[in-house]
PDB file of N, CA and C in Angstrom:
ATOM      1  N   MET A   1       0.840  -1.166   0.000  1.00  0.00           N
ATOM      2  CA  MET A   1       0.000   0.000   0.000  1.00  0.00           C
ATOM      3  C   MET A   1       0.889   1.235   0.000  1.00  0.00           C
ATOM      4  N   SER A   2       0.621   2.149  -0.889  1.00  0.00           N
ATOM      5  CA  SER A   2       1.417   3.370  -0.966  1.00  0.00           C
ATOM      6  C   SER A   2       1.000   4.331   0.145  1.00  0.00           C
ATOM      7  N   SER A   3       1.850   5.333   0.386  1.00  0.00           N
ATOM      8  CA  SER A   3       1.536   6.310   1.436  1.00  0.00           C
ATOM      9  C   SER A   3       0.294   7.115   1.077  1.00  0.00           C
ATOM     10  N   LYS A   4       0.047   7.341  -0.228  1.00  0.00           N
ATOM     11  CA  LYS A   4      -1.147   8.084  -0.633  1.00  0.00           C
ATOM     12  C   LYS A   4      -2.401   7.270  -0.324  1.00  0.00           C
ATOM     13  N   GLU A   5      -2.383   5.963  -0.599  1.00  0.00           N
ATOM     14  CA  GLU A   5      -3.530   5.115  -0.285  1.00  0.00           C
ATOM     15  C   GLU A   5      -3.778   5.082   1.215  1.00  0.00           C
ATOM     16  N   PHE A   6      -2.705   4.990   1.990  1.00  0.00           N
ATOM     17  CA  PHE A   6      -2.849   4.940   3.445  1.00  0.00           C
ATOM     18  C   PHE A   6      -3.475   6.228   3.967  1.00  0.00           C
ATOM     19  N   SER A   7      -2.988   7.394   3.503  1.00  0.00           N
ATOM     20  CA  SER A   7      -3.524   8.659   4.006  1.00  0.00           C
ATOM     21  C   SER A   7      -4.976   8.847   3.586  1.00  0.00           C
ATOM     22  N   THR A   8      -5.348   8.391   2.375  1.00  0.00           N
ATOM     23  CA  THR A   8      -6.732   8.509   1.938  1.00  0.00           C
ATOM     24  C   THR A   8      -7.639   7.662   2.813  1.00  0.00           C
ATOM     25  N   ARG A   9      -7.240   6.447   3.112  1.00  0.00           N
ATOM     26  CA  ARG A   9      -8.061   5.588   3.960  1.00  0.00           C
ATOM     27  C   ARG A   9      -8.120   6.124   5.379  1.00  0.00           C
ATOM     28  N   ARG A  10      -7.033   6.691   5.830  1.00  0.00           N
ATOM     29  CA  ARG A  10      -6.985   7.200   7.193  1.00  0.00           C
ATOM     30  C   ARG A  10      -7.947   8.372   7.374  1.00  0.00           C
ATOM     31  N   VAL A  11      -8.043   9.232   6.376  1.00  0.00           N
ATOM     32  CA  VAL A  11      -8.942  10.376   6.451  1.00  0.00           C
ATOM     33  C   VAL A  11     -10.383   9.926   6.295  1.00  0.00           C
ATOM     34  N   GLY A  12     -10.622   8.853   5.588  1.00  0.00           N
ATOM     35  CA  GLY A  12     -11.969   8.331   5.453  1.00  0.00           C
ATOM     36  C   GLY A  12     -12.689   8.791   4.201  1.00  0.00           C
ATOM     37  N   ARG A  13     -11.949   9.191   3.193  1.00  0.00           N
ATOM     38  CA  ARG A  13     -12.603   9.676   1.976  1.00  0.00           C
ATOM     39  C   ARG A  13     -13.298   8.565   1.208  1.00  0.00           C
ATOM     40  N   ASP A  14     -12.874   7.322   1.373  1.00  0.00           N
ATOM     41  CA  ASP A  14     -13.491   6.225   0.636  1.00  0.00           C
ATOM     42  C   ASP A  14     -14.603   5.545   1.430  1.00  0.00           C
ATOM     43  N   LEU A  15     -14.979   6.114   2.592  1.00  0.00           N
ATOM     44  CA  LEU A  15     -16.041   5.541   3.409  1.00  0.00           C
ATOM     45  C   LEU A  15     -17.385   6.147   3.031  1.00  0.00           C
ATOM     46  N   PRO A  16     -18.476   5.397   3.181  1.00  0.00           N
ATOM     47  CA  PRO A  16     -19.803   5.978   2.959  1.00  0.00           C
ATOM     48  C   PRO A  16     -20.051   7.125   3.934  1.00  0.00           C
ATOM     49  N   ASP A  17     -20.977   8.033   3.588  1.00  0.00           N
ATOM     50  CA  ASP A  17     -21.243   9.208   4.413  1.00  0.00           C
ATOM     51  C   ASP A  17     -21.600   8.847   5.844  1.00  0.00           C
ATOM     52  N   GLU A  18     -22.425   7.795   6.051  1.00  0.00           N
ATOM     53  CA  GLU A  18     -22.847   7.464   7.410  1.00  0.00           C
ATOM     54  C   GLU A  18     -21.682   6.969   8.265  1.00  0.00           C
ATOM     55  N   ASP A  19     -20.605   6.453   7.650  1.00  0.00           N
ATOM     56  CA  ASP A  19     -19.447   6.007   8.414  1.00  0.00           C
ATOM     57  C   ASP A  19     -18.519   7.169   8.763  1.00  0.00           C
ATOM     58  N   ARG A  20     -18.577   8.249   8.003  1.00  0.00           N
ATOM     59  CA  ARG A  20     -17.722   9.395   8.269  1.00  0.00           C
ATOM     60  C   ARG A  20     -18.306  10.307   9.343  1.00  0.00           C
ATOM     61  N   THR A  21     -19.619  10.252   9.544  1.00  0.00           N
ATOM     62  CA  THR A  21     -20.260  11.073  10.550  1.00  0.00           C
ATOM     63  C   THR A  21     -20.101  10.404  11.903  1.00  0.00           C
ATOM     64  N   SER A  22     -19.698  11.156  12.899  1.00  0.00           N
ATOM     65  CA  SER A  22     -19.488  10.554  14.211  1.00  0.00           C
ATOM     66  C   SER A  22     -20.810  10.083  14.801  1.00  0.00           C
ATOM     67  N   ARG A  23     -20.731   9.031  15.574  1.00  0.00           N
ATOM     68  CA  ARG A  23     -21.909   8.447  16.214  1.00  0.00           C
ATOM     69  C   ARG A  23     -22.567   9.476  17.136  1.00  0.00           C
ATOM     70  N   ASP A  24     -21.761  10.242  17.866  1.00  0.00           N
ATOM     71  CA  ASP A  24     -22.309  11.239  18.779  1.00  0.00           C
ATOM     72  C   ASP A  24     -23.049  12.339  18.035  1.00  0.00           C
ATOM     73  N   PHE A  25     -22.526  12.781  16.891  1.00  0.00           N
ATOM     74  CA  PHE A  25     -23.198  13.821  16.110  1.00  0.00           C
ATOM     75  C   PHE A  25     -24.530  13.311  15.574  1.00  0.00           C
ATOM     76  N   ARG A  26     -24.560  12.068  15.081  1.00  0.00           N
ATOM     77  CA  ARG A  26     -25.824  11.492  14.592  1.00  0.00           C
ATOM     78  C   ARG A  26     -26.850  11.414  15.717  1.00  0.00           C
ATOM     79  N   ARG A  27     -26.411  11.056  16.912  1.00  0.00           N
ATOM     80  CA  ARG A  27     -27.327  10.980  18.046  1.00  0.00           C
ATOM     81  C   ARG A  27     -27.864  12.371  18.394  1.00  0.00           C
ATOM     82  N   GLN A  28     -27.041  13.395  18.297  1.00  0.00           N
ATOM     83  CA  GLN A  28     -27.508  14.757  18.570  1.00  0.00           C
ATOM     84  C   GLN A  28     -28.584  15.165  17.581  1.00  0.00           C
ATOM     85  N   LEU A  29     -28.416  14.781  16.318  1.00  0.00           N
ATOM     86  CA  LEU A  29     -29.437  15.092  15.310  1.00  0.00           C
ATOM     87  C   LEU A  29     -30.739  14.340  15.584  1.00  0.00           C
ATOM     88  N   GLU A  30     -30.651  13.196  16.249  1.00  0.00           N
ATOM     89  CA  GLU A  30     -31.842  12.415  16.595  1.00  0.00           C
ATOM     90  C   GLU A  30     -32.517  12.928  17.865  1.00  0.00           C
ATOM     91  N   GLY A  31     -31.990  13.977  18.486  1.00  0.00           N
ATOM     92  CA  GLY A  31     -32.622  14.561  19.658  1.00  0.00           C
ATOM     93  C   GLY A  31     -31.912  14.285  20.968  1.00  0.00           C
ATOM     94  N   TYR A  32     -30.824  13.537  20.938  1.00  0.00           N
ATOM     95  CA  TYR A  32     -30.079  13.269  22.158  1.00  0.00           C
ATOM     96  C   TYR A  32     -29.340  14.533  22.592  1.00  0.00           C
ATOM     97  N   GLY A  33     -29.201  14.707  23.887  1.00  0.00           N
ATOM     98  CA  GLY A  33     -28.441  15.823  24.431  1.00  0.00           C
ATOM     99  C   GLY A  33     -27.435  15.308  25.440  1.00  0.00           C
ATOM    100  N   LEU A  34     -26.477  16.134  25.774  1.00  0.00           N
ATOM    101  CA  LEU A  34     -25.456  15.746  26.737  1.00  0.00           C
ATOM    102  C   LEU A  34     -26.071  15.768  28.134  1.00  0.00           C
ATOM    103  N   THR A  35     -26.015  14.638  28.807  1.00  0.00           N
ATOM    104  CA  THR A  35     -26.593  14.492  30.142  1.00  0.00           C
ATOM    105  C   THR A  35     -25.473  14.211  31.130  1.00  0.00           C
ATOM    106  N   THR A  36     -25.481  14.955  32.217  1.00  0.00           N
ATOM    107  CA  THR A  36     -24.520  14.761  33.288  1.00  0.00           C
ATOM    108  C   THR A  36     -25.286  14.478  34.567  1.00  0.00           C
ATOM    109  N   ALA A  37     -24.895  13.423  35.260  1.00  0.00           N
ATOM    110  CA  ALA A  37     -25.520  13.076  36.534  1.00  0.00           C
ATOM    111  C   ALA A  37     -24.464  13.089  37.625  1.00  0.00           C
ATOM    112  N   ASN A  38     -24.744  13.845  38.676  1.00  0.00           N
ATOM    113  CA  ASN A  38     -23.889  13.849  39.860  1.00  0.00           C
ATOM    114  C   ASN A  38     -24.533  12.882  40.855  1.00  0.00           C
ATOM    115  N   ILE A  39     -23.881  11.771  41.100  1.00  0.00           N
ATOM    116  CA  ILE A  39     -24.438  10.706  41.921  1.00  0.00           C
ATOM    117  C   ILE A  39     -23.737  10.718  43.282  1.00  0.00           C
ATOM    118  N   LEU A  40     -24.529  10.884  44.337  1.00  0.00           N
ATOM    119  CA  LEU A  40     -24.014  10.746  45.690  1.00  0.00           C
ATOM    120  C   LEU A  40     -24.412   9.379  46.206  1.00  0.00           C
ATOM    121  N   TYR A  41     -23.435   8.662  46.763  1.00  0.00           N
ATOM    122  CA  TYR A  41     -23.722   7.328  47.286  1.00  0.00           C
ATOM    123  C   TYR A  41     -22.986   7.120  48.593  1.00  0.00           C
ATOM    124  N   ARG A  42     -23.493   6.174  49.357  1.00  0.00           N
ATOM    125  CA  ARG A  42     -22.871   5.853  50.645  1.00  0.00           C
ATOM    126  C   ARG A  42     -21.807   4.782  50.443  1.00  0.00           C
ATOM    127  N   ARG A  43     -20.691   4.944  51.093  1.00  0.00           N
ATOM    128  CA  ARG A  43     -19.625   3.947  51.034  1.00  0.00           C
ATOM    129  C   ARG A  43     -20.084   2.685  51.757  1.00  0.00           C
ATOM    130  N   PRO A  44     -19.873   1.509  51.176  1.00  0.00           N
ATOM    131  CA  PRO A  44     -20.298   0.275  51.840  1.00  0.00           C
ATOM    132  C   PRO A  44     -19.561   0.022  53.158  1.00  0.00           C
ATOM    133  N   ASP A  45     -18.278   0.422  53.226  1.00  0.00           N
ATOM    134  CA  ASP A  45     -17.494   0.184  54.434  1.00  0.00           C
ATOM    135  C   ASP A  45     -17.708   1.259  55.507  1.00  0.00           C
ATOM    136  N   HIS A  46     -18.150   2.447  55.091  1.00  0.00           N
ATOM    137  CA  HIS A  46     -18.434   3.553  56.018  1.00  0.00           C
ATOM    138  C   HIS A  46     -19.751   4.208  55.583  1.00  0.00           C
ATOM    139  N   PRO A  47     -20.914   3.667  55.985  1.00  0.00           N
ATOM    140  CA  PRO A  47     -22.203   4.173  55.488  1.00  0.00           C
ATOM    141  C   PRO A  47     -22.488   5.637  55.829  1.00  0.00           C
ATOM    142  N   TRP A  48     -21.820   6.189  56.823  1.00  0.00           N
ATOM    143  CA  TRP A  48     -22.030   7.582  57.184  1.00  0.00           C
ATOM    144  C   TRP A  48     -21.314   8.527  56.222  1.00  0.00           C
ATOM    145  N   LEU A  49     -20.427   7.996  55.368  1.00  0.00           N
ATOM    146  CA  LEU A  49     -19.620   8.810  54.463  1.00  0.00           C
ATOM    147  C   LEU A  49     -20.231   8.807  53.061  1.00  0.00           C
ATOM    148  N   LEU A  50     -20.478   9.996  52.520  1.00  0.00           N
ATOM    149  CA  LEU A  50     -20.994  10.126  51.157  1.00  0.00           C
ATOM    150  C   LEU A  50     -19.842  10.363  50.188  1.00  0.00           C
ATOM    151  N   GLN A  51     -19.931   9.721  49.037  1.00  0.00           N
ATOM    152  CA  GLN A  51     -18.929   9.905  47.991  1.00  0.00           C
ATOM    153  C   GLN A  51     -19.663  10.285  46.711  1.00  0.00           C
ATOM    154  N   THR A  52     -18.977  10.962  45.818  1.00  0.00           N
ATOM    155  CA  THR A  52     -19.618  11.410  44.579  1.00  0.00           C
ATOM    156  C   THR A  52     -19.046  10.679  43.373  1.00  0.00           C
ATOM    157  N   TYR A  53     -19.904  10.498  42.366  1.00  0.00           N
ATOM    158  CA  TYR A  53     -19.510   9.904  41.099  1.00  0.00           C
ATOM    159  C   TYR A  53     -20.198  10.721  40.015  1.00  0.00           C
ATOM    160  N   VAL A  54     -19.470  11.111  38.972  1.00  0.00           N
ATOM    161  CA  VAL A  54     -20.042  11.887  37.873  1.00  0.00           C
ATOM    162  C   VAL A  54     -20.156  10.989  36.651  1.00  0.00           C
ATOM    163  N   TRP A  55     -21.380  10.891  36.122  1.00  0.00           N
ATOM    164  CA  TRP A  55     -21.678  10.081  34.942  1.00  0.00           C
ATOM    165  C   TRP A  55     -22.074  11.036  33.829  1.00  0.00           C
ATOM    166  N   GLN A  56     -21.600  10.773  32.583  1.00  0.00           N
ATOM    167  CA  GLN A  56     -21.935  11.644  31.459  1.00  0.00           C
ATOM    168  C   GLN A  56     -22.073  10.813  30.200  1.00  0.00           C
ATOM    169  N   ASP A  57     -23.153  11.080  29.447  1.00  0.00           N
ATOM    170  CA  ASP A  57     -23.388  10.395  28.179  1.00  0.00           C
ATOM    171  C   ASP A  57     -24.463  11.166  27.423  1.00  0.00           C
ATOM    172  N   TYR A  58     -24.680  10.817  26.167  1.00  0.00           N
ATOM    173  CA  TYR A  58     -25.779  11.397  25.401  1.00  0.00           C
ATOM    174  C   TYR A  58     -27.042  10.624  25.747  1.00  0.00           C
ATOM    175  N   ASP A  59     -28.123  11.355  26.044  1.00  0.00           N
ATOM    176  CA  ASP A  59     -29.358  10.721  26.480  1.00  0.00           C
ATOM    177  C   ASP A  59     -30.555  11.547  26.022  1.00  0.00           C
ATOM    178  N   LEU A  60     -31.728  10.931  26.081  1.00  0.00           N
ATOM    179  CA  LEU A  60     -32.975  11.580  25.684  1.00  0.00           C
ATOM    180  C   LEU A  60     -33.718  12.098  26.905  1.00  0.00           C
ATOM    181  N   CYS A  61     -34.027  13.382  26.901  1.00  0.00           N
ATOM    182  CA  CYS A  61     -34.796  13.988  27.970  1.00  0.00           C
ATOM    183  C   CYS A  61     -36.278  13.865  27.613  1.00  0.00           C
ATOM    184  N   PRO A  62     -37.187  13.579  28.478  1.00  0.00           N
ATOM    185  CA  PRO A  62     -37.139  13.520  29.931  1.00  0.00           C
ATOM    186  C   PRO A  62     -37.049  12.099  30.488  1.00  0.00           C
ATOM    187  N   MET A  63     -37.062  11.077  29.653  1.00  0.00           N
ATOM    188  CA  MET A  63     -37.091   9.700  30.149  1.00  0.00           C
ATOM    189  C   MET A  63     -35.703   9.184  30.542  1.00  0.00           C
ATOM    190  N   PHE A  64     -34.650   9.698  29.940  1.00  0.00           N
ATOM    191  CA  PHE A  64     -33.261   9.342  30.241  1.00  0.00           C
ATOM    192  C   PHE A  64     -33.032   7.822  30.255  1.00  0.00           C
ATOM    193  N   PRO A  65     -33.228   7.141  29.124  1.00  0.00           N
ATOM    194  CA  PRO A  65     -33.054   5.682  29.102  1.00  0.00           C
ATOM    195  C   PRO A  65     -31.628   5.226  29.417  1.00  0.00           C
ATOM    196  N   GLN A  66     -30.609   5.953  28.956  1.00  0.00           N
ATOM    197  CA  GLN A  66     -29.223   5.561  29.223  1.00  0.00           C
ATOM    198  C   GLN A  66     -28.891   5.706  30.712  1.00  0.00           C
ATOM    199  N   LEU A  67     -29.315   6.811  31.296  1.00  0.00           N
ATOM    200  CA  LEU A  67     -29.058   7.031  32.721  1.00  0.00           C
ATOM    201  C   LEU A  67     -29.790   5.994  33.560  1.00  0.00           C
ATOM    202  N   ASN A  68     -31.046   5.707  33.228  1.00  0.00           N
ATOM    203  CA  ASN A  68     -31.797   4.693  33.970  1.00  0.00           C
ATOM    204  C   ASN A  68     -31.151   3.314  33.853  1.00  0.00           C
ATOM    205  N   LYS A  69     -30.634   3.003  32.673  1.00  0.00           N
ATOM    206  CA  LYS A  69     -29.936   1.730  32.488  1.00  0.00           C
ATOM    207  C   LYS A  69     -28.710   1.663  33.401  1.00  0.00           C
ATOM    208  N   PHE A  70     -27.957   2.765  33.466  1.00  0.00           N
ATOM    209  CA  PHE A  70     -26.784   2.798  34.325  1.00  0.00           C
ATOM    210  C   PHE A  70     -27.170   2.691  35.799  1.00  0.00           C
ATOM    211  N   LEU A  71     -28.207   3.420  36.212  1.00  0.00           N
ATOM    212  CA  LEU A  71     -28.628   3.371  37.623  1.00  0.00           C
ATOM    213  C   LEU A  71     -29.150   1.988  38.001  1.00  0.00           C
ATOM    214  N   ASN A  72     -29.848   1.327  37.084  1.00  0.00           N
ATOM    215  CA  ASN A  72     -30.292  -0.047  37.347  1.00  0.00           C
ATOM    216  C   ASN A  72     -29.099  -0.984  37.512  1.00  0.00           C
ATOM    217  N   PHE A  73     -28.082  -0.807  36.667  1.00  0.00           N
ATOM    218  CA  PHE A  73     -26.849  -1.580  36.814  1.00  0.00           C
ATOM    219  C   PHE A  73     -26.238  -1.329  38.190  1.00  0.00           C
ATOM    220  N   TRP A  74     -26.194  -0.063  38.594  1.00  0.00           N
ATOM    221  CA  TRP A  74     -25.618   0.299  39.886  1.00  0.00           C
ATOM    222  C   TRP A  74     -26.366  -0.422  41.014  1.00  0.00           C
ATOM    223  N   LEU A  75     -27.689  -0.366  40.978  1.00  0.00           N
ATOM    224  CA  LEU A  75     -28.494  -0.972  42.041  1.00  0.00           C
ATOM    225  C   LEU A  75     -28.325  -2.490  42.099  1.00  0.00           C
ATOM    226  N   GLU A  76     -28.159  -3.123  40.942  1.00  0.00           N
ATOM    227  CA  GLU A  76     -28.048  -4.582  40.888  1.00  0.00           C
ATOM    228  C   GLU A  76     -26.637  -5.088  41.191  1.00  0.00           C
ATOM    229  N   LYS A  77     -25.605  -4.383  40.749  1.00  0.00           N
ATOM    230  CA  LYS A  77     -24.246  -4.928  40.787  1.00  0.00           C
ATOM    231  C   LYS A  77     -23.300  -4.279  41.797  1.00  0.00           C
ATOM    232  N   LEU A  78     -23.549  -3.035  42.171  1.00  0.00           N
ATOM    233  CA  LEU A  78     -22.603  -2.336  43.038  1.00  0.00           C
ATOM    234  C   LEU A  78     -23.113  -2.277  44.473  1.00  0.00           C
ATOM    235  N   GLU A  79     -22.183  -2.186  45.407  1.00  0.00           N
ATOM    236  CA  GLU A  79     -22.546  -2.256  46.820  1.00  0.00           C
ATOM    237  C   GLU A  79     -22.935  -0.918  47.438  1.00  0.00           C
ATOM    238  N   GLY A  80     -22.460   0.196  46.914  1.00  0.00           N
ATOM    239  CA  GLY A  80     -22.731   1.493  47.534  1.00  0.00           C
ATOM    240  C   GLY A  80     -24.151   1.956  47.276  1.00  0.00           C
ATOM    241  N   PRO A  81     -24.994   2.041  48.330  1.00  0.00           N
ATOM    242  CA  PRO A  81     -26.373   2.487  48.131  1.00  0.00           C
ATOM    243  C   PRO A  81     -26.436   3.954  47.697  1.00  0.00           C
ATOM    244  N   LEU A  82     -27.346   4.239  46.778  1.00  0.00           N
ATOM    245  CA  LEU A  82     -27.498   5.599  46.271  1.00  0.00           C
ATOM    246  C   LEU A  82     -28.116   6.499  47.329  1.00  0.00           C
ATOM    247  N   HIS A  83     -27.604   7.714  47.413  1.00  0.00           N
ATOM    248  CA  HIS A  83     -28.178   8.727  48.298  1.00  0.00           C
ATOM    249  C   HIS A  83     -29.024   9.693  47.484  1.00  0.00           C
ATOM    250  N   SER A  84     -28.458  10.234  46.397  1.00  0.00           N
ATOM    251  CA  SER A  84     -29.197  11.165  45.543  1.00  0.00           C
ATOM    252  C   SER A  84     -28.535  11.229  44.166  1.00  0.00           C
ATOM    253  N   VAL A  85     -29.345  11.657  43.180  1.00  0.00           N
ATOM    254  CA  VAL A  85     -28.853  11.826  41.813  1.00  0.00           C
ATOM    255  C   VAL A  85     -29.349  13.176  41.313  1.00  0.00           C
ATOM    256  N   THR A  86     -28.434  14.035  40.906  1.00  0.00           N
ATOM    257  CA  THR A  86     -28.774  15.338  40.338  1.00  0.00           C
ATOM    258  C   THR A  86     -28.421  15.300  38.858  1.00  0.00           C
ATOM    259  N   VAL A  87     -29.392  15.672  38.012  1.00  0.00           N
ATOM    260  CA  VAL A  87     -29.226  15.541  36.561  1.00  0.00           C
ATOM    261  C   VAL A  87     -29.230  16.909  35.895  1.00  0.00           C
ATOM    262  N   ALA A  88     -28.295  17.118  34.968  1.00  0.00           N
ATOM    263  CA  ALA A  88     -28.261  18.299  34.107  1.00  0.00           C
ATOM    264  C   ALA A  88     -28.280  17.799  32.665  1.00  0.00           C
ATOM    265  N   HIS A  89     -29.056  18.474  31.812  1.00  0.00           N
ATOM    266  CA  HIS A  89     -29.202  18.025  30.427  1.00  0.00           C
ATOM    267  C   HIS A  89     -29.170  19.236  29.505  1.00  0.00           C
ATOM    268  N   ALA A  90     -28.461  19.130  28.393  1.00  0.00           N
ATOM    269  CA  ALA A  90     -28.393  20.222  27.419  1.00  0.00           C
ATOM    270  C   ALA A  90     -28.409  19.647  26.018  1.00  0.00           C
ATOM    271  N   ARG A  91     -29.345  20.132  25.207  1.00  0.00           N
ATOM    272  CA  ARG A  91     -29.328  19.768  23.789  1.00  0.00           C
ATOM    273  C   ARG A  91     -28.281  20.639  23.127  1.00  0.00           C
ATOM    274  N   LEU A  92     -27.302  20.008  22.517  1.00  0.00           N
ATOM    275  CA  LEU A  92     -26.199  20.761  21.936  1.00  0.00           C
ATOM    276  C   LEU A  92     -26.537  21.304  20.557  1.00  0.00           C
ATOM    277  N   ILE A  93     -27.406  20.622  19.850  1.00  0.00           N
ATOM    278  CA  ILE A  93     -27.848  21.090  18.531  1.00  0.00           C
ATOM    279  C   ILE A  93     -29.337  21.368  18.637  1.00  0.00           C
ATOM    280  N   LYS A  94     -29.708  22.594  18.335  1.00  0.00           N
ATOM    281  CA  LYS A  94     -31.108  22.985  18.419  1.00  0.00           C
ATOM    282  C   LYS A  94     -31.672  23.121  17.007  1.00  0.00           C
ATOM    283  N   PRO A  95     -32.980  22.940  16.834  1.00  0.00           N
ATOM    284  CA  PRO A  95     -33.561  22.987  15.483  1.00  0.00           C
ATOM    285  C   PRO A  95     -33.237  24.247  14.699  1.00  0.00           C
ATOM    286  N   ALA A  96     -33.130  25.398  15.355  1.00  0.00           N
ATOM    287  CA  ALA A  96     -32.849  26.648  14.643  1.00  0.00           C
ATOM    288  C   ALA A  96     -31.446  26.674  14.055  1.00  0.00           C
ATOM    289  N   GLU A  97     -30.566  25.813  14.520  1.00  0.00           N
ATOM    290  CA  GLU A  97     -29.186  25.819  14.046  1.00  0.00           C
ATOM    291  C   GLU A  97     -28.978  24.979  12.793  1.00  0.00           C
ATOM    292  N   ILE A  98     -29.980  24.200  12.418  1.00  0.00           N
ATOM    293  CA  ILE A  98     -29.856  23.341  11.247  1.00  0.00           C
ATOM    294  C   ILE A  98     -30.745  23.922  10.149  1.00  0.00           C
ATOM    295  N   ARG A  99     -30.132  24.232   9.014  1.00  0.00           N
ATOM    296  CA  ARG A  99     -30.879  24.795   7.899  1.00  0.00           C
ATOM    297  C   ARG A  99     -30.549  24.035   6.624  1.00  0.00           C
ATOM    298  N   ALA A 100     -31.540  23.871   5.780  1.00  0.00           N
ATOM    299  CA  ALA A 100     -31.307  23.231   4.483  1.00  0.00           C
ATOM    300  C   ALA A 100     -30.511  24.186   3.598  1.00  0.00           C
ATOM    301  N   VAL A 101     -29.605  23.654   2.827  1.00  0.00           N
ATOM    302  CA  VAL A 101     -28.793  24.460   1.924  1.00  0.00           C
ATOM    303  C   VAL A 101     -29.338  24.297   0.523  1.00  0.00           C
ATOM    304  N   ASP A 102     -29.658  25.431  -0.120  1.00  0.00           N
ATOM    305  CA  ASP A 102     -30.242  25.380  -1.458  1.00  0.00           C
ATOM    306  C   ASP A 102     -29.199  25.521  -2.560  1.00  0.00           C
ATOM    307  N   GLY A 103     -28.015  25.916  -2.228  1.00  0.00           N
ATOM    308  CA  GLY A 103     -27.009  26.141  -3.252  1.00  0.00           C
ATOM    309  C   GLY A 103     -25.683  25.498  -2.889  1.00  0.00           C
ATOM    310  N   GLU A 104     -24.778  25.615  -3.808  1.00  0.00           N
ATOM    311  CA  GLU A 104     -23.453  25.059  -3.575  1.00  0.00           C
ATOM    312  C   GLU A 104     -22.437  26.052  -4.090  1.00  0.00           C
ATOM    313  N   PHE A 105     -21.413  26.344  -3.288  1.00  0.00           N
ATOM    314  CA  PHE A 105     -20.352  27.258  -3.679  1.00  0.00           C
ATOM    315  C   PHE A 105     -19.105  26.459  -3.968  1.00  0.00           C
ATOM    316  N   ARG A 106     -18.491  26.736  -5.071  1.00  0.00           N
ATOM    317  CA  ARG A 106     -17.248  26.066  -5.420  1.00  0.00           C
ATOM    318  C   ARG A 106     -16.133  27.088  -5.502  1.00  0.00           C
ATOM    319  N   LEU A 107     -15.070  26.807  -4.795  1.00  0.00           N
ATOM    320  CA  LEU A 107     -13.904  27.674  -4.848  1.00  0.00           C
ATOM    321  C   LEU A 107     -12.818  26.977  -5.629  1.00  0.00           C
ATOM    322  N   HIS A 108     -12.236  27.678  -6.554  1.00  0.00           N
ATOM    323  CA  HIS A 108     -11.173  27.054  -7.382  1.00  0.00           C
ATOM    324  C   HIS A 108      -9.847  27.606  -7.004  1.00  0.00           C
TER     325      HIS A 108
END
């Protein structure tokens, strides 16, 4: 393989459009927003002591399926009982920011 072939494949010019678009960007277009959860939990060895854990992923508001999946995992598999969960959510791409393009500009 020549260096030109390697650099072309590395950049992704020969990939279909859906493979070149990042998974996170596609999820944002589908309505997902960045969700951050600040989780306070009790230490199993010292129940009087609260510790914090920050979880972040793209999720759908208001049902938060990804966060609920993670919290269910926590309840089933981890020993530290949950004290509280504070959630912040922001849609990074809003409908007003996406516009159809009617023309094409070519620079030579």
